[in-house]
Amino acid sequence: MKQITAYIKTNMLQKVTLALHGIEDISGVTVCDVKGFGRTHERKDGNYSDYHPHIKIEMICADGQVEQIVKTIQENAHTGLRGDGKISIIEIEQLIRISNGEGGESAL
């Protein structure tokens, strides 16, 4: 199992979400409003400028779904401009469903 985390531009959320709904057997998605800055942050009067709003998308999926999910996010969040975002993929050691104690991929 893998955890996929993507940081995207706020105006791309609807497009990415609609595309993710098209993937069969996706277990769920968590979306958070976040703020941050990248390598190209600006300085104003010697201070860093305000953080820029972004969207953080997180999901846990089976290993076989990773490629399709990443491709879907990448294609639908891409504007071709600086700051389109990042996608990270992390191995999940264990997953337990709180409601019934199921573990592993059956907890997805």
C-alpha atoms as a PDB file:
ATOM      1  CA  MET A   1       0.000   0.000   0.000  1.00  0.00           C
ATOM      2  CA  LYS A   2       1.075   3.560  -0.664  1.00  0.00           C
ATOM      3  CA  GLN A   3       0.141   7.022   0.561  1.00  0.00           C
ATOM      4  CA  ILE A   4      -0.015   9.606  -2.196  1.00  0.00           C
ATOM      5  CA  THR A   5       0.203  13.269  -1.231  1.00  0.00           C
ATOM      6  CA  ALA A   6      -0.183  16.001  -3.828  1.00  0.00           C
ATOM      7  CA  TYR A   7       0.116  19.753  -3.480  1.00  0.00           C
ATOM      8  CA  ILE A   8      -1.719  21.547  -6.279  1.00  0.00           C
ATOM      9  CA  LYS A   9      -2.923  25.028  -7.189  1.00  0.00           C
ATOM     10  CA  THR A  10      -6.286  25.890  -5.648  1.00  0.00           C
ATOM     11  CA  ASN A  11      -7.944  26.526  -9.004  1.00  0.00           C
ATOM     12  CA  MET A  12      -7.120  22.970 -10.171  1.00  0.00           C
ATOM     13  CA  LEU A  13      -8.969  21.141  -7.376  1.00  0.00           C
ATOM     14  CA  GLN A  14     -12.258  20.649  -9.204  1.00  0.00           C
ATOM     15  CA  LYS A  15     -10.570  19.308 -12.338  1.00  0.00           C
ATOM     16  CA  VAL A  16      -8.377  16.912 -10.336  1.00  0.00           C
ATOM     17  CA  THR A  17     -11.306  15.764  -8.166  1.00  0.00           C
ATOM     18  CA  LEU A  18     -13.523  15.029 -11.165  1.00  0.00           C
ATOM     19  CA  ALA A  19     -10.723  13.022 -12.763  1.00  0.00           C
ATOM     20  CA  LEU A  20     -10.073  11.042  -9.566  1.00  0.00           C
ATOM     21  CA  HIS A  21     -13.775  10.134  -9.383  1.00  0.00           C
ATOM     22  CA  GLY A  22     -13.246   8.338 -12.695  1.00  0.00           C
ATOM     23  CA  ILE A  23     -10.782   5.871 -11.166  1.00  0.00           C
ATOM     24  CA  GLU A  24     -12.472   2.645 -10.160  1.00  0.00           C
ATOM     25  CA  ASP A  25     -12.083   1.391  -6.570  1.00  0.00           C
ATOM     26  CA  ILE A  26     -10.463   4.527  -5.165  1.00  0.00           C
ATOM     27  CA  SER A  27     -10.848   4.203  -1.395  1.00  0.00           C
ATOM     28  CA  GLY A  28     -11.189   7.908  -0.616  1.00  0.00           C
ATOM     29  CA  VAL A  29      -9.489  11.269  -0.763  1.00  0.00           C
ATOM     30  CA  THR A  30      -8.695  13.854   1.905  1.00  0.00           C
ATOM     31  CA  VAL A  31      -8.407  17.499   0.845  1.00  0.00           C
ATOM     32  CA  CYS A  32      -6.962  20.328   2.960  1.00  0.00           C
ATOM     33  CA  ASP A  33      -6.389  24.021   2.336  1.00  0.00           C
ATOM     34  CA  VAL A  34      -2.720  24.761   3.050  1.00  0.00           C
ATOM     35  CA  LYS A  35      -0.312  27.681   2.651  1.00  0.00           C
ATOM     36  CA  GLY A  36       3.349  27.672   1.744  1.00  0.00           C
ATOM     37  CA  PHE A  37       6.064  28.907  -0.548  1.00  0.00           C
ATOM     38  CA  GLY A  38       8.495  27.318  -2.951  1.00  0.00           C
ATOM     39  CA  ARG A  39      11.911  28.194  -4.303  1.00  0.00           C
ATOM     40  CA  THR A  40      10.654  31.325  -6.034  1.00  0.00           C
ATOM     41  CA  HIS A  41       9.210  33.097  -2.995  1.00  0.00           C
ATOM     42  CA  GLU A  42       9.562  36.875  -3.114  1.00  0.00           C
ATOM     43  CA  ARG A  43      11.065  39.233  -0.576  1.00  0.00           C
ATOM     44  CA  LYS A  44       9.352  42.500   0.204  1.00  0.00           C
ATOM     45  CA  ASP A  45      11.245  45.082   2.265  1.00  0.00           C
ATOM     46  CA  GLY A  46      13.701  42.408   3.379  1.00  0.00           C
ATOM     47  CA  ASN A  47      10.912  40.094   4.622  1.00  0.00           C
ATOM     48  CA  TYR A  48       9.411  37.071   3.001  1.00  0.00           C
ATOM     49  CA  SER A  49       6.107  37.626   1.259  1.00  0.00           C
ATOM     50  CA  ASP A  50       2.906  36.037   2.440  1.00  0.00           C
ATOM     51  CA  TYR A  51       2.446  32.333   1.970  1.00  0.00           C
ATOM     52  CA  HIS A  52       0.558  31.226  -1.123  1.00  0.00           C
ATOM     53  CA  PRO A  53      -2.605  29.110  -0.823  1.00  0.00           C
ATOM     54  CA  HIS A  54      -2.463  25.560  -2.163  1.00  0.00           C
ATOM     55  CA  ILE A  55      -4.494  22.386  -1.863  1.00  0.00           C
ATOM     56  CA  LYS A  56      -3.141  19.224  -0.249  1.00  0.00           C
ATOM     57  CA  ILE A  57      -4.658  15.958  -1.462  1.00  0.00           C
ATOM     58  CA  GLU A  58      -3.953  12.720   0.412  1.00  0.00           C
ATOM     59  CA  MET A  59      -5.017   9.167  -0.281  1.00  0.00           C
ATOM     60  CA  ILE A  60      -3.999   5.625   0.522  1.00  0.00           C
ATOM     61  CA  CYS A  61      -4.203   3.061  -2.241  1.00  0.00           C
ATOM     62  CA  ALA A  62      -3.143  -0.395  -3.336  1.00  0.00           C
ATOM     63  CA  ASP A  63       0.245  -0.629  -5.049  1.00  0.00           C
ATOM     64  CA  GLY A  64      -1.432  -1.414  -8.367  1.00  0.00           C
ATOM     65  CA  GLN A  65      -3.334   1.893  -8.370  1.00  0.00           C
ATOM     66  CA  VAL A  66      -0.376   4.219  -7.806  1.00  0.00           C
ATOM     67  CA  GLU A  67       0.610   4.765 -11.428  1.00  0.00           C
ATOM     68  CA  GLN A  68      -2.939   5.581 -12.557  1.00  0.00           C
ATOM     69  CA  ILE A  69      -3.608   7.939  -9.629  1.00  0.00           C
ATOM     70  CA  VAL A  70      -0.313   9.804 -10.039  1.00  0.00           C
ATOM     71  CA  LYS A  71      -0.827  10.126 -13.793  1.00  0.00           C
ATOM     72  CA  THR A  72      -4.381  11.413 -13.249  1.00  0.00           C
ATOM     73  CA  ILE A  73      -3.283  14.048 -10.741  1.00  0.00           C
ATOM     74  CA  GLN A  74      -0.300  15.094 -12.843  1.00  0.00           C
ATOM     75  CA  GLU A  75      -2.301  15.466 -16.058  1.00  0.00           C
ATOM     76  CA  ASN A  76      -5.182  17.347 -14.432  1.00  0.00           C
ATOM     77  CA  ALA A  77      -3.163  19.654 -12.152  1.00  0.00           C
ATOM     78  CA  HIS A  78      -0.704  20.672 -14.881  1.00  0.00           C
ATOM     79  CA  THR A  79      -0.889  24.262 -16.123  1.00  0.00           C
ATOM     80  CA  GLY A  80       2.654  24.471 -17.425  1.00  0.00           C
ATOM     81  CA  LEU A  81       3.416  27.340 -15.063  1.00  0.00           C
ATOM     82  CA  ARG A  82       5.847  27.466 -12.176  1.00  0.00           C
ATOM     83  CA  GLY A  83       4.283  26.273  -8.935  1.00  0.00           C
ATOM     84  CA  ASP A  84       2.013  23.568 -10.370  1.00  0.00           C
ATOM     85  CA  GLY A  85       2.835  21.497  -7.293  1.00  0.00           C
ATOM     86  CA  LYS A  86       4.395  18.239  -6.187  1.00  0.00           C
ATOM     87  CA  ILE A  87       3.360  14.606  -5.705  1.00  0.00           C
ATOM     88  CA  SER A  88       4.964  12.303  -3.151  1.00  0.00           C
ATOM     89  CA  ILE A  89       4.516   8.567  -2.707  1.00  0.00           C
ATOM     90  CA  ILE A  90       5.238   6.860   0.615  1.00  0.00           C
ATOM     91  CA  GLU A  91       5.120   3.164   1.536  1.00  0.00           C
ATOM     92  CA  ILE A  92       2.437   2.324   4.121  1.00  0.00           C
ATOM     93  CA  GLU A  93       3.626  -0.288   6.582  1.00  0.00           C
ATOM     94  CA  GLN A  94       0.266  -0.987   8.189  1.00  0.00           C
ATOM     95  CA  LEU A  95      -3.340   0.211   7.826  1.00  0.00           C
ATOM     96  CA  ILE A  96      -6.122  -0.526  10.317  1.00  0.00           C
ATOM     97  CA  ARG A  97      -9.778   0.411   9.926  1.00  0.00           C
ATOM     98  CA  ILE A  98     -10.925   1.854  13.250  1.00  0.00           C
ATOM     99  CA  SER A  99     -14.591   0.841  12.888  1.00  0.00           C
ATOM    100  CA  ASN A 100     -14.026  -2.929  12.640  1.00  0.00           C
ATOM    101  CA  GLY A 101     -10.313  -3.591  13.163  1.00  0.00           C
ATOM    102  CA  GLU A 102      -9.691  -4.832   9.615  1.00  0.00           C
ATOM    103  CA  GLY A 103      -6.060  -4.576   8.572  1.00  0.00           C
ATOM    104  CA  GLY A 104      -3.990  -4.432   5.407  1.00  0.00           C
ATOM    105  CA  GLU A 105      -5.498  -3.824   1.981  1.00  0.00           C
ATOM    106  CA  SER A 106      -8.918  -4.988   3.177  1.00  0.00           C
ATOM    107  CA  ALA A 107      -8.958  -1.828   5.326  1.00  0.00           C
ATOM    108  CA  LEU A 108      -8.880   0.301   2.197  1.00  0.00           C
END
